[in-house]
Amino acid sequence: MMFRPRESHDLKLLSTSLSISPDPARLHWLHDVFDNSIAIAEFNCPASQLHFESIVRLEHFETSLPKYPLEEYANNYPFRYSDEDIPNLAPALAHQYPSDSVHHWVKQFLDPSGVTGTMSLLSSMTFGIRNQFQYMRRTQKGVQSPDETLQSRRGSCRDFAVFMMEAMRSLGVAARFVSGYIFVPGNDTNVTGGGSTHAWMQAYLPGAGWIDFDPTNSIVGNRNLIRVAVAWSPDHVLPLWGTFTGSRSSFVGMDVTVSVTEESPGQTSGLG
């Protein structure tokens, strides 16, 4: 299980609880190679239903669209990561879905002069996906390839996150996948992804570090975004996975509900 948000300078956990029914015979926690918090439950008795309830109270510090203090050499694209950073960023630069079509799509955001403001480039790409593609909620397992997303011009939040990751990697910009929750203020119909887990991506920019980009909602920065897990690909940040023993027909279905509510300015509580 990956339910517990990643505590950081912009997110402070106030309280957490995890209820599981039936009671597991064993429950233990660990940190994976990305330092995500994972809970592993093991059961030794039969059951007709398995229920998980994670309740989290947290304080969220918004860093939406600040003036990111990039290193001078990274203010404009193209730029090159330092020799010190490149070995650590290698997995975030490696293509998982090499695509000439995606690289061609990215070119529309580059200044013909050959020099483009780095934040302007990445922000324009974030807004471009929201404007050029149609969001659809998908229940199918896995993600679409970036080529599939580009051809259909449709996808879920995780499809758009992977598409933008590959677009950035085609430019030599390090990117990683983020899984978590999104807060939808009031009845704001402009925010997509509430009621379930949400996905977006981060880019690593020298001087500013990992910056959140949510192409589904045209969000730059962590506004309304609550990070739970990060990885080089979505395969490593599944919110819930496991195995069971029984007949194939025993598994009827699964329901997921995520509710994120605001208690007071600067504080939100998430229920999953």
Protein backbone atom coordinates (compact mmCIF):
# COMPACT_ATOMS: atom_id res chain seq x y z
CA MET A 1 0.00 0.00 0.00
CA MET A 2 1.14 3.53 -0.80
CA PHE A 3 -1.31 5.75 1.06
CA ARG A 4 0.93 7.85 3.33
CA PRO A 5 1.93 11.27 1.85
CA ARG A 6 5.60 12.17 1.58
CA GLU A 7 6.43 14.58 4.39
CA SER A 8 8.64 17.48 3.31
CA HIS A 9 9.28 21.21 3.77
CA ASP A 10 6.02 21.91 1.92
CA LEU A 11 3.91 19.16 3.52
CA LYS A 12 3.68 18.39 7.24
CA LEU A 13 1.81 15.32 8.48
CA LEU A 14 -0.28 16.09 11.58
CA SER A 15 -1.84 12.66 12.11
CA THR A 16 -2.30 9.40 10.20
CA SER A 17 -4.30 6.22 10.69
CA LEU A 18 -4.72 3.05 8.68
CA SER A 19 -7.62 0.66 9.30
CA ILE A 20 -7.74 -2.75 7.58
CA SER A 21 -10.55 -5.30 7.70
CA PRO A 22 -10.13 -8.17 8.31
CA ASP A 23 -7.23 -7.59 10.68
CA PRO A 24 -3.95 -8.60 9.03
CA ALA A 25 -1.84 -11.27 10.66
CA ARG A 26 1.16 -9.04 10.04
CA LEU A 27 1.58 -5.38 9.07
CA HIS A 28 4.93 -3.76 8.57
CA TRP A 29 6.23 -0.55 7.04
CA LEU A 30 9.30 0.15 4.93
CA HIS A 31 10.85 2.75 2.64
CA ASP A 32 11.47 1.71 -0.95
CA VAL A 33 14.43 2.77 -3.09
CA PHE A 34 12.71 6.12 -3.78
CA ASP A 35 12.10 6.68 -0.03
CA ASN A 36 8.36 6.22 -0.47
CA SER A 37 6.53 4.88 2.58
CA ILE A 38 5.01 1.44 1.95
CA ALA A 39 2.78 -0.69 4.20
CA ILE A 40 2.69 -4.47 3.64
CA ALA A 41 -0.17 -6.50 5.09
CA GLU A 42 -0.35 -10.29 5.27
CA PHE A 43 -3.48 -12.32 6.05
CA ASN A 44 -3.97 -15.89 7.27
CA CYS A 45 -7.76 -16.27 7.32
CA PRO A 46 -10.46 -16.36 4.62
CA ALA A 47 -12.65 -13.29 4.04
CA SER A 48 -15.39 -12.23 1.66
CA GLN A 49 -14.31 -8.58 1.62
CA LEU A 50 -11.09 -6.63 2.07
CA HIS A 51 -11.34 -3.02 3.21
CA PHE A 52 -8.65 -0.35 3.64
CA GLU A 53 -9.23 3.10 5.13
CA SER A 54 -6.43 5.65 5.36
CA ILE A 55 -7.12 8.94 7.14
CA VAL A 56 -4.50 11.69 7.06
CA ARG A 57 -4.45 15.21 8.48
CA LEU A 58 -1.74 17.41 7.05
CA GLU A 59 -0.56 20.97 6.61
CA HIS A 60 0.15 21.95 3.04
CA PHE A 61 2.38 24.90 2.11
CA GLU A 62 1.63 26.11 -1.40
CA THR A 63 4.49 27.01 -3.75
CA SER A 64 2.38 27.70 -6.81
CA LEU A 65 4.13 29.63 -9.58
CA PRO A 66 6.91 31.14 -7.45
CA LYS A 67 9.94 32.64 -9.13
CA TYR A 68 12.08 29.54 -9.07
CA PRO A 69 15.75 30.34 -8.36
CA LEU A 70 17.32 28.40 -11.21
CA GLU A 71 21.06 28.33 -11.63
CA GLU A 72 22.06 30.94 -14.16
CA TYR A 73 23.18 28.34 -16.69
CA ALA A 74 19.74 26.66 -16.52
CA ASN A 75 17.59 29.78 -16.94
CA ASN A 76 17.41 29.17 -20.68
CA TYR A 77 17.05 26.01 -22.73
CA PRO A 78 19.10 24.24 -23.94
CA PHE A 79 21.23 23.68 -20.87
CA ARG A 80 23.37 20.79 -19.62
CA TYR A 81 23.29 19.23 -16.17
CA SER A 82 26.50 19.35 -14.19
CA ASP A 83 28.87 16.38 -14.26
CA GLU A 84 28.02 15.86 -10.60
CA ASP A 85 24.25 15.63 -11.24
CA ILE A 86 24.21 13.52 -14.41
CA PRO A 87 24.97 10.12 -12.78
CA ASN A 88 22.19 10.62 -10.21
CA LEU A 89 19.70 11.80 -12.84
CA ALA A 90 20.46 9.09 -15.42
CA PRO A 91 17.24 7.08 -14.74
CA ALA A 92 15.19 10.30 -14.99
CA LEU A 93 16.71 11.05 -18.39
CA ALA A 94 16.33 7.57 -19.89
CA HIS A 95 13.50 7.09 -22.38
CA GLN A 96 10.95 4.39 -21.60
CA TYR A 97 8.94 5.11 -24.74
CA PRO A 98 11.30 6.50 -27.42
CA SER A 99 9.19 8.43 -29.92
CA ASP A 100 10.03 10.71 -32.82
CA SER A 101 6.41 11.90 -32.83
CA VAL A 102 6.61 13.14 -29.24
CA HIS A 103 9.89 14.91 -29.93
CA HIS A 104 8.31 16.58 -32.96
CA TRP A 105 5.30 17.65 -30.84
CA VAL A 106 7.64 19.36 -28.35
CA LYS A 107 9.22 21.56 -31.01
CA GLN A 108 6.16 23.86 -31.12
CA PHE A 109 7.17 25.21 -27.71
CA LEU A 110 10.76 26.06 -28.67
CA ASP A 111 11.69 29.60 -29.68
CA PRO A 112 12.84 29.72 -33.33
CA SER A 113 15.85 31.73 -32.16
CA GLY A 114 17.25 28.58 -30.56
CA VAL A 115 17.06 29.90 -26.98
CA THR A 116 13.91 29.47 -24.86
CA GLY A 117 13.33 30.38 -21.22
CA THR A 118 13.38 27.10 -19.31
CA MET A 119 10.38 27.79 -17.06
CA SER A 120 8.50 29.33 -19.98
CA LEU A 121 9.13 26.19 -22.03
CA LEU A 122 7.98 23.74 -19.37
CA SER A 123 4.97 25.86 -18.39
CA SER A 124 3.89 26.21 -22.02
CA MET A 125 4.15 22.44 -22.42
CA THR A 126 2.00 21.94 -19.30
CA PHE A 127 -0.69 24.32 -20.58
CA GLY A 128 -0.41 22.89 -24.11
CA ILE A 129 -1.36 19.38 -22.98
CA ARG A 130 -4.42 20.72 -21.16
CA ASN A 131 -5.48 22.72 -24.23
CA GLN A 132 -4.73 20.14 -26.93
CA PHE A 133 -5.82 16.91 -25.22
CA GLN A 134 -9.08 15.69 -23.71
CA TYR A 135 -9.14 14.16 -20.24
CA MET A 136 -10.93 10.86 -19.72
CA ARG A 137 -11.07 8.67 -16.66
CA ARG A 138 -9.71 5.20 -17.47
CA THR A 139 -10.14 2.11 -15.29
CA GLN A 140 -7.94 -0.10 -17.45
CA LYS A 141 -4.67 -1.29 -15.96
CA GLY A 142 -1.45 0.50 -16.88
CA VAL A 143 -0.81 3.58 -18.99
CA GLN A 144 -1.08 4.42 -22.66
CA SER A 145 2.14 4.88 -24.57
CA PRO A 146 2.88 8.52 -25.41
CA ASP A 147 2.29 7.71 -29.09
CA GLU A 148 -1.19 6.39 -28.25
CA THR A 149 -1.96 9.54 -26.26
CA LEU A 150 -0.69 11.75 -29.06
CA GLN A 151 -2.67 9.93 -31.73
CA SER A 152 -5.96 9.81 -29.81
CA ARG A 153 -5.51 13.22 -28.14
CA ARG A 154 -7.16 11.68 -25.08
CA GLY A 155 -5.98 10.19 -21.83
CA SER A 156 -6.13 9.98 -18.06
CA CYS A 157 -3.97 11.92 -15.62
CA ARG A 158 -1.38 9.13 -15.55
CA ASP A 159 -1.31 9.05 -19.38
CA PHE A 160 -0.68 12.80 -19.53
CA ALA A 161 2.01 12.55 -16.83
CA VAL A 162 3.88 9.85 -18.76
CA PHE A 163 3.44 11.76 -22.02
CA MET A 164 4.93 14.92 -20.52
CA MET A 165 7.76 12.96 -18.90
CA GLU A 166 8.78 11.53 -22.25
CA ALA A 167 8.40 14.95 -23.91
CA MET A 168 10.76 16.47 -21.34
CA ARG A 169 13.21 13.59 -21.59
CA SER A 170 13.29 14.10 -25.36
CA LEU A 171 14.69 17.57 -24.57
CA GLY A 172 17.24 16.20 -22.12
CA VAL A 173 15.30 17.38 -19.05
CA ALA A 174 15.14 14.94 -16.12
CA ALA A 175 11.59 13.89 -15.19
CA ARG A 176 9.87 11.52 -12.77
CA PHE A 177 6.33 10.27 -12.09
CA VAL A 178 4.29 11.37 -9.05
CA SER A 179 1.26 9.65 -7.53
CA GLY A 180 -0.92 11.30 -4.92
CA TYR A 181 -4.11 13.24 -4.33
CA ILE A 182 -5.53 16.55 -5.53
CA PHE A 183 -7.65 18.99 -3.55
CA VAL A 184 -10.63 20.37 -5.49
CA PRO A 185 -11.68 23.71 -3.94
CA GLY A 186 -15.45 24.04 -3.56
CA ASN A 187 -17.21 23.20 -6.79
CA ASP A 188 -14.32 24.23 -9.03
CA THR A 189 -15.08 22.46 -12.31
CA ASN A 190 -11.70 23.53 -13.72
CA VAL A 191 -9.87 21.03 -11.47
CA THR A 192 -9.83 17.42 -12.69
CA GLY A 193 -8.86 14.27 -10.81
CA GLY A 194 -10.75 14.54 -7.54
CA GLY A 195 -12.43 11.51 -5.99
CA SER A 196 -9.59 9.11 -6.79
CA THR A 197 -5.82 8.97 -6.77
CA HIS A 198 -4.15 11.52 -9.03
CA ALA A 199 -0.94 11.56 -11.07
CA TRP A 200 1.39 14.24 -12.37
CA MET A 201 5.14 14.63 -12.88
CA GLN A 202 8.19 16.52 -11.69
CA ALA A 203 11.15 17.95 -13.56
CA TYR A 204 14.57 18.50 -12.02
CA LEU A 205 15.93 22.00 -12.63
CA PRO A 206 19.32 23.05 -11.24
CA GLY A 207 18.92 25.54 -8.42
CA ALA A 208 15.24 24.76 -7.83
CA GLY A 209 15.30 20.97 -7.55
CA TRP A 210 12.23 18.87 -8.34
CA ILE A 211 9.31 21.03 -9.53
CA ASP A 212 5.72 19.77 -9.86
CA PHE A 213 3.94 19.97 -13.23
CA ASP A 214 0.35 18.72 -13.54
CA PRO A 215 -0.58 18.74 -17.25
CA THR A 216 -4.11 17.49 -16.49
CA ASN A 217 -4.90 20.75 -14.66
CA SER A 218 -2.25 23.15 -16.04
CA ILE A 219 -0.70 23.42 -12.57
CA VAL A 220 2.91 24.54 -12.17
CA GLY A 221 4.03 24.17 -8.55
CA ASN A 222 2.36 22.16 -5.80
CA ARG A 223 -0.97 24.05 -5.65
CA ASN A 224 -3.66 21.57 -4.51
CA LEU A 225 -1.26 18.64 -5.03
CA ILE A 226 -0.47 16.17 -2.24
CA ARG A 227 2.47 13.90 -3.10
CA VAL A 228 2.37 10.28 -1.92
CA ALA A 229 5.03 8.56 -4.03
CA VAL A 230 7.59 9.30 -6.73
CA ALA A 231 9.45 7.01 -9.14
CA TRP A 232 11.01 6.90 -12.59
CA SER A 233 7.87 5.18 -13.96
CA PRO A 234 4.25 4.61 -12.84
CA ASP A 235 4.86 0.87 -12.38
CA HIS A 236 6.65 1.57 -9.09
CA VAL A 237 4.01 3.76 -7.44
CA LEU A 238 0.81 1.71 -7.51
CA PRO A 239 -1.35 2.85 -4.55
CA LEU A 240 -2.51 -0.71 -3.82
CA TRP A 241 -1.44 -4.08 -5.15
CA GLY A 242 -1.19 -7.67 -4.02
CA THR A 243 -2.28 -11.27 -4.54
CA PHE A 244 -4.99 -13.52 -3.15
CA THR A 245 -5.71 -17.26 -3.09
CA GLY A 246 -9.07 -18.36 -4.44
CA SER A 247 -11.02 -19.05 -7.60
CA ARG A 248 -10.89 -16.53 -10.41
CA SER A 249 -14.62 -15.85 -10.03
CA SER A 250 -14.14 -14.87 -6.38
CA PHE A 251 -12.90 -11.42 -7.31
CA VAL A 252 -16.01 -9.36 -8.08
CA GLY A 253 -14.61 -5.84 -8.19
CA MET A 254 -12.93 -2.96 -6.40
CA ASP A 255 -14.12 0.51 -5.37
CA VAL A 256 -11.81 3.44 -4.60
CA THR A 257 -12.87 6.75 -3.04
CA VAL A 258 -10.59 9.66 -2.18
CA SER A 259 -11.93 12.73 -0.39
CA VAL A 260 -9.71 15.75 0.31
CA THR A 261 -11.31 18.51 2.40
CA GLU A 262 -10.07 21.83 3.75
CA GLU A 263 -10.20 22.46 7.50
CA SER A 264 -8.81 25.98 7.53
CA PRO A 265 -6.52 28.12 5.34
CA GLY A 266 -3.27 26.24 4.86
CA GLN A 267 -4.60 22.95 6.24
CA THR A 268 -6.22 20.05 4.41
CA SER A 269 -7.17 16.55 5.43
CA GLY A 270 -7.21 13.60 3.06
CA LEU A 271 -9.30 10.48 3.29
CA GLY A 272 -8.63 7.52 1.01
